[in-house]
Protein backbone atom coordinates (compact mmCIF):
# COMPACT_ATOMS: atom_id res chain seq x y z
CA UNK A 1 0.00 0.00 0.00
CA UNK A 2 1.27 3.46 -0.92
CA UNK A 3 -0.31 6.84 -0.55
CA UNK A 4 -0.70 10.07 1.31
CA UNK A 5 -3.23 10.70 4.05
CA UNK A 6 -5.29 13.80 3.25
CA UNK A 7 -3.94 17.14 4.45
CA UNK A 8 -5.09 18.28 7.87
CA UNK A 9 -5.78 21.93 8.63
CA UNK A 10 -5.40 23.83 11.88
CA UNK A 11 -8.56 25.78 12.64
CA UNK A 12 -10.45 26.89 15.70
CA UNK A 13 -13.94 28.29 15.42
CA UNK A 14 -13.60 28.20 11.62
CA UNK A 15 -10.51 30.43 11.66
CA UNK A 16 -6.99 29.40 10.75
CA UNK A 17 -4.62 29.43 13.71
CA UNK A 18 -0.88 29.34 14.25
CA UNK A 19 0.54 25.89 14.85
CA UNK A 20 2.08 25.31 18.25
CA UNK A 21 3.10 22.09 19.97
CA UNK A 22 -0.25 21.65 21.76
CA UNK A 23 -2.29 22.11 18.58
CA UNK A 24 0.03 19.83 16.65
CA UNK A 25 -0.32 17.14 19.28
CA UNK A 26 -4.12 17.35 18.99
CA UNK A 27 -3.95 16.97 15.23
CA UNK A 28 -1.60 14.01 15.60
CA UNK A 29 -4.24 12.30 17.72
CA UNK A 30 -6.88 12.94 15.04
CA UNK A 31 -4.46 11.67 12.41
CA UNK A 32 -3.73 8.49 14.41
CA UNK A 33 -7.42 7.80 14.91
CA UNK A 34 -7.92 8.05 11.14
CA UNK A 35 -5.06 5.61 10.57
CA UNK A 36 -6.42 3.14 13.10
CA UNK A 37 -9.90 3.25 11.60
CA UNK A 38 -8.82 2.88 7.99
CA UNK A 39 -5.37 1.27 7.91
CA UNK A 40 -4.98 -0.73 11.12
CA UNK A 41 -3.42 -3.76 9.40
CA UNK A 42 -0.77 -1.58 7.71
CA UNK A 43 0.25 0.50 10.75
CA UNK A 44 3.31 -1.63 11.63
CA UNK A 45 4.72 -0.84 8.16
CA UNK A 46 3.87 2.88 8.00
CA UNK A 47 6.57 5.52 8.20
CA UNK A 48 5.90 9.03 9.49
CA UNK A 49 7.53 11.96 7.67
CA UNK A 50 7.43 15.61 8.68
CA UNK A 51 9.47 18.75 8.25
CA UNK A 52 11.57 20.21 11.04
CA UNK A 53 9.22 22.98 12.16
CA UNK A 54 9.69 23.81 15.84
CA UNK A 55 6.18 22.68 16.94
CA UNK A 56 6.69 19.37 15.12
CA UNK A 57 9.94 18.66 16.92
CA UNK A 58 8.99 19.65 20.45
CA UNK A 59 9.88 16.99 23.00
CA UNK A 60 6.26 16.07 23.71
CA UNK A 61 5.36 15.78 20.01
CA UNK A 62 8.42 13.70 19.16
CA UNK A 63 7.73 11.47 22.16
CA UNK A 64 4.17 10.93 20.90
CA UNK A 65 5.34 10.23 17.33
CA UNK A 66 8.08 7.81 18.42
CA UNK A 67 5.62 6.05 20.73
CA UNK A 68 3.27 5.44 17.81
CA UNK A 69 5.75 4.88 14.95
CA UNK A 70 8.86 3.65 16.75
CA UNK A 71 11.98 4.22 14.67
CA UNK A 72 9.93 4.65 11.46
CA UNK A 73 10.09 8.45 11.69
CA UNK A 74 11.75 10.82 9.24
CA UNK A 75 12.18 14.17 10.93
CA UNK A 76 14.66 16.50 12.55
CA UNK A 77 15.94 15.16 15.90
CA UNK A 78 15.13 11.55 15.00
CA UNK A 79 17.10 8.50 13.90
CA UNK A 80 16.32 9.24 10.23
CA UNK A 81 16.96 12.95 9.69
CA UNK A 82 16.27 14.72 6.46
CA UNK A 83 17.61 18.16 5.72
CA UNK A 84 15.08 20.97 6.03
CA UNK A 85 15.41 21.86 2.33
CA UNK A 86 15.66 18.33 1.01
CA UNK A 87 14.07 17.97 -2.44
CA UNK A 88 12.63 14.67 -1.18
CA UNK A 89 10.18 16.65 0.96
CA UNK A 90 8.96 18.81 -1.93
CA UNK A 91 6.98 16.33 -4.09
CA UNK A 92 4.04 16.13 -1.64
CA UNK A 93 3.68 19.93 -1.85
CA UNK A 94 3.66 19.82 -5.64
CA UNK A 95 1.22 16.95 -5.98
CA UNK A 96 -1.17 18.07 -3.25
CA UNK A 97 -1.36 21.74 -4.15
CA UNK A 98 -0.41 21.85 -7.83
CA UNK A 99 2.19 24.02 -9.50
C-alpha atoms as a PDB file:
ATOM      1  CA  UNK A   1       0.000   0.000   0.000  1.00  0.00           C
ATOM      2  CA  UNK A   2       1.274   3.457  -0.915  1.00  0.00           C
ATOM      3  CA  UNK A   3      -0.307   6.841  -0.555  1.00  0.00           C
ATOM      4  CA  UNK A   4      -0.700  10.072   1.310  1.00  0.00           C
ATOM      5  CA  UNK A   5      -3.235  10.703   4.045  1.00  0.00           C
ATOM      6  CA  UNK A   6      -5.288  13.798   3.246  1.00  0.00           C
ATOM      7  CA  UNK A   7      -3.943  17.145   4.447  1.00  0.00           C
ATOM      8  CA  UNK A   8      -5.092  18.277   7.873  1.00  0.00           C
ATOM      9  CA  UNK A   9      -5.781  21.934   8.628  1.00  0.00           C
ATOM     10  CA  UNK A  10      -5.401  23.829  11.880  1.00  0.00           C
ATOM     11  CA  UNK A  11      -8.563  25.783  12.636  1.00  0.00           C
ATOM     12  CA  UNK A  12     -10.448  26.894  15.699  1.00  0.00           C
ATOM     13  CA  UNK A  13     -13.941  28.291  15.419  1.00  0.00           C
ATOM     14  CA  UNK A  14     -13.604  28.196  11.624  1.00  0.00           C
ATOM     15  CA  UNK A  15     -10.506  30.428  11.657  1.00  0.00           C
ATOM     16  CA  UNK A  16      -6.995  29.400  10.748  1.00  0.00           C
ATOM     17  CA  UNK A  17      -4.623  29.430  13.711  1.00  0.00           C
ATOM     18  CA  UNK A  18      -0.879  29.340  14.252  1.00  0.00           C
ATOM     19  CA  UNK A  19       0.543  25.894  14.845  1.00  0.00           C
ATOM     20  CA  UNK A  20       2.078  25.312  18.249  1.00  0.00           C
ATOM     21  CA  UNK A  21       3.103  22.085  19.971  1.00  0.00           C
ATOM     22  CA  UNK A  22      -0.246  21.650  21.764  1.00  0.00           C
ATOM     23  CA  UNK A  23      -2.288  22.111  18.580  1.00  0.00           C
ATOM     24  CA  UNK A  24       0.033  19.834  16.647  1.00  0.00           C
ATOM     25  CA  UNK A  25      -0.322  17.140  19.283  1.00  0.00           C
ATOM     26  CA  UNK A  26      -4.122  17.353  18.991  1.00  0.00           C
ATOM     27  CA  UNK A  27      -3.955  16.969  15.226  1.00  0.00           C
ATOM     28  CA  UNK A  28      -1.598  14.006  15.602  1.00  0.00           C
ATOM     29  CA  UNK A  29      -4.244  12.304  17.720  1.00  0.00           C
ATOM     30  CA  UNK A  30      -6.882  12.938  15.036  1.00  0.00           C
ATOM     31  CA  UNK A  31      -4.455  11.667  12.414  1.00  0.00           C
ATOM     32  CA  UNK A  32      -3.727   8.488  14.413  1.00  0.00           C
ATOM     33  CA  UNK A  33      -7.424   7.799  14.915  1.00  0.00           C
ATOM     34  CA  UNK A  34      -7.917   8.045  11.138  1.00  0.00           C
ATOM     35  CA  UNK A  35      -5.060   5.613  10.566  1.00  0.00           C
ATOM     36  CA  UNK A  36      -6.416   3.139  13.103  1.00  0.00           C
ATOM     37  CA  UNK A  37      -9.897   3.253  11.600  1.00  0.00           C
ATOM     38  CA  UNK A  38      -8.821   2.878   7.988  1.00  0.00           C
ATOM     39  CA  UNK A  39      -5.367   1.270   7.905  1.00  0.00           C
ATOM     40  CA  UNK A  40      -4.978  -0.732  11.117  1.00  0.00           C
ATOM     41  CA  UNK A  41      -3.418  -3.760   9.396  1.00  0.00           C
ATOM     42  CA  UNK A  42      -0.767  -1.582   7.709  1.00  0.00           C
ATOM     43  CA  UNK A  43       0.252   0.499  10.747  1.00  0.00           C
ATOM     44  CA  UNK A  44       3.311  -1.632  11.628  1.00  0.00           C
ATOM     45  CA  UNK A  45       4.715  -0.839   8.162  1.00  0.00           C
ATOM     46  CA  UNK A  46       3.874   2.881   8.001  1.00  0.00           C
ATOM     47  CA  UNK A  47       6.568   5.522   8.198  1.00  0.00           C
ATOM     48  CA  UNK A  48       5.901   9.033   9.493  1.00  0.00           C
ATOM     49  CA  UNK A  49       7.534  11.955   7.665  1.00  0.00           C
ATOM     50  CA  UNK A  50       7.434  15.606   8.675  1.00  0.00           C
ATOM     51  CA  UNK A  51       9.474  18.749   8.254  1.00  0.00           C
ATOM     52  CA  UNK A  52      11.569  20.212  11.041  1.00  0.00           C
ATOM     53  CA  UNK A  53       9.221  22.983  12.160  1.00  0.00           C
ATOM     54  CA  UNK A  54       9.692  23.805  15.839  1.00  0.00           C
ATOM     55  CA  UNK A  55       6.183  22.679  16.939  1.00  0.00           C
ATOM     56  CA  UNK A  56       6.690  19.366  15.125  1.00  0.00           C
ATOM     57  CA  UNK A  57       9.939  18.659  16.917  1.00  0.00           C
ATOM     58  CA  UNK A  58       8.991  19.648  20.449  1.00  0.00           C
ATOM     59  CA  UNK A  59       9.876  16.992  23.003  1.00  0.00           C
ATOM     60  CA  UNK A  60       6.258  16.069  23.713  1.00  0.00           C
ATOM     61  CA  UNK A  61       5.360  15.780  20.010  1.00  0.00           C
ATOM     62  CA  UNK A  62       8.416  13.697  19.159  1.00  0.00           C
ATOM     63  CA  UNK A  63       7.732  11.466  22.160  1.00  0.00           C
ATOM     64  CA  UNK A  64       4.169  10.926  20.898  1.00  0.00           C
ATOM     65  CA  UNK A  65       5.340  10.232  17.332  1.00  0.00           C
ATOM     66  CA  UNK A  66       8.075   7.814  18.418  1.00  0.00           C
ATOM     67  CA  UNK A  67       5.621   6.048  20.731  1.00  0.00           C
ATOM     68  CA  UNK A  68       3.270   5.438  17.810  1.00  0.00           C
ATOM     69  CA  UNK A  69       5.745   4.875  14.953  1.00  0.00           C
ATOM     70  CA  UNK A  70       8.860   3.647  16.748  1.00  0.00           C
ATOM     71  CA  UNK A  71      11.978   4.216  14.667  1.00  0.00           C
ATOM     72  CA  UNK A  72       9.925   4.650  11.460  1.00  0.00           C
ATOM     73  CA  UNK A  73      10.094   8.447  11.687  1.00  0.00           C
ATOM     74  CA  UNK A  74      11.754  10.823   9.239  1.00  0.00           C
ATOM     75  CA  UNK A  75      12.183  14.173  10.935  1.00  0.00           C
ATOM     76  CA  UNK A  76      14.663  16.499  12.555  1.00  0.00           C
ATOM     77  CA  UNK A  77      15.940  15.163  15.903  1.00  0.00           C
ATOM     78  CA  UNK A  78      15.126  11.549  15.004  1.00  0.00           C
ATOM     79  CA  UNK A  79      17.097   8.495  13.901  1.00  0.00           C
ATOM     80  CA  UNK A  80      16.321   9.242  10.233  1.00  0.00           C
ATOM     81  CA  UNK A  81      16.960  12.946   9.695  1.00  0.00           C
ATOM     82  CA  UNK A  82      16.266  14.724   6.458  1.00  0.00           C
ATOM     83  CA  UNK A  83      17.615  18.162   5.720  1.00  0.00           C
ATOM     84  CA  UNK A  84      15.076  20.971   6.034  1.00  0.00           C
ATOM     85  CA  UNK A  85      15.405  21.857   2.333  1.00  0.00           C
ATOM     86  CA  UNK A  86      15.658  18.327   1.009  1.00  0.00           C
ATOM     87  CA  UNK A  87      14.066  17.972  -2.435  1.00  0.00           C
ATOM     88  CA  UNK A  88      12.626  14.671  -1.176  1.00  0.00           C
ATOM     89  CA  UNK A  89      10.185  16.651   0.957  1.00  0.00           C
ATOM     90  CA  UNK A  90       8.956  18.808  -1.926  1.00  0.00           C
ATOM     91  CA  UNK A  91       6.981  16.325  -4.093  1.00  0.00           C
ATOM     92  CA  UNK A  92       4.043  16.133  -1.642  1.00  0.00           C
ATOM     93  CA  UNK A  93       3.678  19.926  -1.849  1.00  0.00           C
ATOM     94  CA  UNK A  94       3.656  19.820  -5.639  1.00  0.00           C
ATOM     95  CA  UNK A  95       1.222  16.947  -5.982  1.00  0.00           C
ATOM     96  CA  UNK A  96      -1.168  18.069  -3.249  1.00  0.00           C
ATOM     97  CA  UNK A  97      -1.360  21.738  -4.155  1.00  0.00           C
ATOM     98  CA  UNK A  98      -0.407  21.846  -7.831  1.00  0.00           C
ATOM     99  CA  UNK A  99       2.193  24.017  -9.503  1.00  0.00           C
END
